[in-house]
Amino acid sequence: MATRRSSDIPASSTARTGTPRVAARPPKSVTPQPTRVTLTAEMRRTTIAENAYLRAERRGFAPGHETEDWLAAEAEIDALLKVSHGGSPQ
C-alpha cells in the first residue's frame, strides 16, 4: 500500500498551511416552516360556497339539500383551517 507524501499532492489542493483541502460539507437540510396565511371572512365564505356547490354537483343538484350542503362545507373548511393553523378559524 502506497502512502502519499505532501510533495505528491498538487499545489492547488493545499491550503496556505500546506495541508490538503477538505471538501466543503453540504449545507444542513432545513425543513421549511409552513407559511401562515391570513384568511379573510370573504375568502372563507367563498371557499365554503365553492365546496357547497361541488357537494350539490355530486348529488346532481337535487333540490332541498342546500342548507345541508352549506353546513357540511362550512364544517369541513373550518376543520381544515383549525388543523392547518393550530387553532380556531377566524
N, C-alpha and C. Protein backbone atom coordinates (compact mmCIF):
# COMPACT_ATOMS: atom_id res chain seq x y z
N MET A 1 0.85 -1.16 0.00
CA MET A 1 0.00 0.00 0.00
C MET A 1 0.90 1.23 0.00
N ALA A 2 0.63 2.12 -0.92
CA ALA A 2 1.46 3.30 -1.06
C ALA A 2 0.91 4.43 -0.22
N THR A 3 1.79 5.22 0.32
CA THR A 3 1.38 6.41 1.07
C THR A 3 1.76 7.63 0.27
N ARG A 4 0.91 8.65 0.36
CA ARG A 4 1.20 9.88 -0.38
C ARG A 4 2.05 10.80 0.48
N ARG A 5 2.97 11.40 -0.14
CA ARG A 5 3.77 12.40 0.54
C ARG A 5 3.17 13.76 0.23
N SER A 6 3.44 14.73 1.09
CA SER A 6 2.89 16.06 0.84
C SER A 6 3.39 16.62 -0.49
N SER A 7 4.55 16.17 -0.93
CA SER A 7 5.05 16.65 -2.21
C SER A 7 4.30 16.02 -3.38
N ASP A 8 3.55 14.92 -3.13
CA ASP A 8 2.77 14.27 -4.18
C ASP A 8 1.41 14.94 -4.39
N ILE A 9 1.00 15.80 -3.46
CA ILE A 9 -0.30 16.46 -3.55
C ILE A 9 -0.14 17.71 -4.39
N PRO A 10 -0.95 17.89 -5.41
CA PRO A 10 -0.83 19.09 -6.24
C PRO A 10 -0.98 20.36 -5.42
N ALA A 11 -0.28 21.39 -5.81
CA ALA A 11 -0.28 22.65 -5.07
C ALA A 11 -1.66 23.27 -4.98
N SER A 12 -2.51 23.05 -5.99
CA SER A 12 -3.82 23.67 -5.99
C SER A 12 -4.74 23.10 -4.91
N SER A 13 -4.45 21.92 -4.38
CA SER A 13 -5.33 21.33 -3.38
C SER A 13 -4.82 21.53 -1.96
N THR A 14 -3.79 22.32 -1.79
CA THR A 14 -3.29 22.58 -0.45
C THR A 14 -3.66 23.98 -0.02
N ALA A 15 -3.97 24.12 1.25
CA ALA A 15 -4.30 25.44 1.80
C ALA A 15 -2.99 26.15 2.13
N ARG A 16 -3.07 27.33 2.65
CA ARG A 16 -1.87 28.11 2.99
C ARG A 16 -1.00 27.39 4.00
N THR A 17 -1.62 26.56 4.81
CA THR A 17 -0.86 25.85 5.84
C THR A 17 -0.11 24.67 5.26
N GLY A 18 -0.37 24.32 4.02
CA GLY A 18 0.30 23.20 3.41
C GLY A 18 -0.45 21.89 3.59
N THR A 19 -1.60 21.94 4.24
CA THR A 19 -2.38 20.71 4.44
C THR A 19 -3.41 20.59 3.33
N PRO A 20 -3.76 19.37 2.96
CA PRO A 20 -4.75 19.19 1.89
C PRO A 20 -6.08 19.81 2.26
N ARG A 21 -6.79 20.30 1.25
CA ARG A 21 -8.11 20.89 1.47
C ARG A 21 -9.11 19.79 1.78
N VAL A 22 -10.06 20.14 2.61
CA VAL A 22 -11.16 19.23 2.92
C VAL A 22 -12.36 19.70 2.11
N ALA A 23 -13.03 18.75 1.51
CA ALA A 23 -14.21 19.11 0.71
C ALA A 23 -15.24 19.81 1.59
N ALA A 24 -15.84 20.83 1.05
CA ALA A 24 -16.86 21.57 1.81
C ALA A 24 -18.04 20.66 2.10
N ARG A 25 -18.58 20.78 3.29
CA ARG A 25 -19.75 19.99 3.65
C ARG A 25 -20.99 20.62 3.03
N PRO A 26 -21.89 19.78 2.58
CA PRO A 26 -23.14 20.35 2.05
C PRO A 26 -23.93 20.99 3.19
N PRO A 27 -24.70 22.01 2.90
CA PRO A 27 -25.47 22.67 3.96
C PRO A 27 -26.47 21.70 4.57
N LYS A 28 -26.73 21.90 5.86
CA LYS A 28 -27.71 21.05 6.55
C LYS A 28 -29.08 21.27 5.93
N SER A 29 -29.85 20.21 5.92
CA SER A 29 -31.21 20.33 5.40
C SER A 29 -32.01 21.21 6.34
N VAL A 30 -32.74 22.10 5.76
CA VAL A 30 -33.59 22.97 6.54
C VAL A 30 -35.03 22.63 6.21
N THR A 31 -35.78 22.26 7.21
CA THR A 31 -37.18 21.93 6.99
C THR A 31 -37.94 23.24 6.85
N PRO A 32 -38.61 23.43 5.72
CA PRO A 32 -39.35 24.68 5.55
C PRO A 32 -40.49 24.79 6.54
N GLN A 33 -40.64 25.95 7.10
CA GLN A 33 -41.73 26.20 8.03
C GLN A 33 -42.97 26.57 7.23
N PRO A 34 -44.13 26.08 7.66
CA PRO A 34 -45.35 26.43 6.93
C PRO A 34 -45.59 27.94 6.99
N THR A 35 -46.04 28.46 5.90
CA THR A 35 -46.35 29.88 5.83
C THR A 35 -47.76 30.09 6.35
N ARG A 36 -47.89 30.99 7.27
CA ARG A 36 -49.20 31.27 7.83
C ARG A 36 -49.91 32.25 6.90
N VAL A 37 -51.07 31.85 6.43
CA VAL A 37 -51.85 32.66 5.52
C VAL A 37 -53.05 33.22 6.27
N THR A 38 -53.25 34.51 6.12
CA THR A 38 -54.40 35.12 6.75
C THR A 38 -55.59 34.96 5.81
N LEU A 39 -56.65 34.35 6.31
CA LEU A 39 -57.84 34.11 5.52
C LEU A 39 -58.90 35.12 5.94
N THR A 40 -59.30 35.94 5.00
CA THR A 40 -60.33 36.94 5.31
C THR A 40 -61.68 36.25 5.38
N ALA A 41 -62.65 36.94 5.96
CA ALA A 41 -64.01 36.40 6.05
C ALA A 41 -64.58 36.15 4.66
N GLU A 42 -64.26 37.02 3.73
CA GLU A 42 -64.76 36.86 2.35
C GLU A 42 -64.14 35.63 1.68
N MET A 43 -62.84 35.41 1.90
CA MET A 43 -62.18 34.23 1.33
C MET A 43 -62.76 32.95 1.93
N ARG A 44 -63.02 32.96 3.23
CA ARG A 44 -63.61 31.79 3.90
C ARG A 44 -65.00 31.51 3.32
N ARG A 45 -65.82 32.55 3.16
CA ARG A 45 -67.16 32.39 2.63
C ARG A 45 -67.13 31.85 1.21
N THR A 46 -66.22 32.37 0.40
CA THR A 46 -66.08 31.92 -0.99
C THR A 46 -65.67 30.45 -1.04
N THR A 47 -64.75 30.06 -0.18
CA THR A 47 -64.30 28.67 -0.14
C THR A 47 -65.43 27.74 0.27
N ILE A 48 -66.21 28.15 1.25
CA ILE A 48 -67.36 27.35 1.69
C ILE A 48 -68.38 27.24 0.57
N ALA A 49 -68.65 28.36 -0.12
CA ALA A 49 -69.62 28.35 -1.22
C ALA A 49 -69.17 27.40 -2.34
N GLU A 50 -67.89 27.42 -2.67
CA GLU A 50 -67.39 26.52 -3.71
C GLU A 50 -67.51 25.06 -3.28
N ASN A 51 -67.19 24.80 -2.03
CA ASN A 51 -67.30 23.43 -1.50
C ASN A 51 -68.76 22.97 -1.51
N ALA A 52 -69.66 23.85 -1.11
CA ALA A 52 -71.10 23.50 -1.11
C ALA A 52 -71.59 23.25 -2.52
N TYR A 53 -71.13 24.06 -3.48
CA TYR A 53 -71.51 23.87 -4.88
C TYR A 53 -71.05 22.50 -5.38
N LEU A 54 -69.82 22.13 -5.07
CA LEU A 54 -69.30 20.84 -5.51
C LEU A 54 -70.07 19.68 -4.88
N ARG A 55 -70.49 19.86 -3.63
CA ARG A 55 -71.32 18.82 -2.99
C ARG A 55 -72.65 18.68 -3.74
N ALA A 56 -73.27 19.81 -4.07
CA ALA A 56 -74.55 19.78 -4.79
C ALA A 56 -74.37 19.16 -6.18
N GLU A 57 -73.27 19.49 -6.83
CA GLU A 57 -72.99 18.95 -8.15
C GLU A 57 -72.86 17.43 -8.11
N ARG A 58 -72.15 16.92 -7.09
CA ARG A 58 -72.00 15.46 -6.95
C ARG A 58 -73.35 14.78 -6.73
N ARG A 59 -74.28 15.50 -6.15
CA ARG A 59 -75.61 14.98 -5.89
C ARG A 59 -76.54 15.18 -7.08
N GLY A 60 -76.06 15.80 -8.13
CA GLY A 60 -76.89 16.07 -9.31
C GLY A 60 -77.81 17.26 -9.11
N PHE A 61 -77.47 18.16 -8.21
CA PHE A 61 -78.23 19.38 -7.92
C PHE A 61 -79.68 19.07 -7.52
N ALA A 62 -79.87 17.95 -6.85
CA ALA A 62 -81.21 17.62 -6.35
C ALA A 62 -81.63 18.69 -5.35
N PRO A 63 -82.82 19.27 -5.51
CA PRO A 63 -83.25 20.35 -4.62
C PRO A 63 -83.55 19.86 -3.20
N GLY A 64 -83.49 20.82 -2.28
CA GLY A 64 -83.86 20.53 -0.90
C GLY A 64 -82.69 20.23 0.03
N HIS A 65 -81.46 20.28 -0.49
CA HIS A 65 -80.29 19.96 0.35
C HIS A 65 -79.31 21.13 0.45
N GLU A 66 -79.76 22.32 0.08
CA GLU A 66 -78.87 23.48 0.03
C GLU A 66 -78.26 23.79 1.40
N THR A 67 -79.10 23.82 2.43
CA THR A 67 -78.63 24.14 3.78
C THR A 67 -77.69 23.04 4.28
N GLU A 68 -78.05 21.80 4.02
CA GLU A 68 -77.21 20.67 4.41
C GLU A 68 -75.83 20.75 3.74
N ASP A 69 -75.82 21.09 2.45
CA ASP A 69 -74.55 21.23 1.73
C ASP A 69 -73.71 22.35 2.32
N TRP A 70 -74.35 23.47 2.61
CA TRP A 70 -73.62 24.63 3.16
C TRP A 70 -73.02 24.29 4.52
N LEU A 71 -73.83 23.70 5.40
CA LEU A 71 -73.35 23.39 6.75
C LEU A 71 -72.23 22.35 6.72
N ALA A 72 -72.35 21.36 5.85
CA ALA A 72 -71.30 20.34 5.74
C ALA A 72 -70.01 20.97 5.20
N ALA A 73 -70.15 21.83 4.20
CA ALA A 73 -68.98 22.52 3.64
C ALA A 73 -68.34 23.42 4.67
N GLU A 74 -69.14 24.14 5.42
CA GLU A 74 -68.63 25.03 6.46
C GLU A 74 -67.87 24.24 7.53
N ALA A 75 -68.42 23.12 7.95
CA ALA A 75 -67.75 22.30 8.96
C ALA A 75 -66.42 21.76 8.43
N GLU A 76 -66.41 21.34 7.17
CA GLU A 76 -65.18 20.80 6.58
C GLU A 76 -64.10 21.88 6.46
N ILE A 77 -64.46 23.04 5.98
CA ILE A 77 -63.49 24.14 5.82
C ILE A 77 -62.97 24.59 7.17
N ASP A 78 -63.86 24.74 8.14
CA ASP A 78 -63.42 25.16 9.47
C ASP A 78 -62.49 24.13 10.11
N ALA A 79 -62.77 22.84 9.88
CA ALA A 79 -61.89 21.79 10.41
C ALA A 79 -60.51 21.87 9.75
N LEU A 80 -60.48 22.08 8.44
CA LEU A 80 -59.21 22.22 7.74
C LEU A 80 -58.43 23.43 8.22
N LEU A 81 -59.13 24.54 8.44
CA LEU A 81 -58.47 25.75 8.95
C LEU A 81 -57.93 25.53 10.35
N LYS A 82 -58.66 24.82 11.17
CA LYS A 82 -58.23 24.57 12.54
C LYS A 82 -56.97 23.70 12.55
N VAL A 83 -56.93 22.67 11.70
CA VAL A 83 -55.76 21.79 11.61
C VAL A 83 -54.55 22.54 11.07
N SER A 84 -54.75 23.31 10.00
CA SER A 84 -53.61 23.97 9.37
C SER A 84 -53.08 25.15 10.18
N HIS A 85 -53.89 25.77 10.99
CA HIS A 85 -53.44 26.92 11.78
C HIS A 85 -53.29 26.60 13.25
N GLY A 86 -53.63 25.39 13.64
CA GLY A 86 -53.44 25.00 15.05
C GLY A 86 -54.35 25.74 16.00
N GLY A 87 -55.46 26.20 15.53
CA GLY A 87 -56.38 26.91 16.42
C GLY A 87 -57.74 27.01 15.79
N SER A 88 -58.55 27.88 16.33
CA SER A 88 -59.90 28.05 15.79
C SER A 88 -59.88 28.92 14.55
N PRO A 89 -60.84 28.70 13.64
CA PRO A 89 -60.89 29.52 12.43
C PRO A 89 -61.20 30.97 12.77
N GLN A 90 -60.83 31.86 11.86
CA GLN A 90 -61.02 33.29 12.12
C GLN A 90 -62.43 33.71 11.88
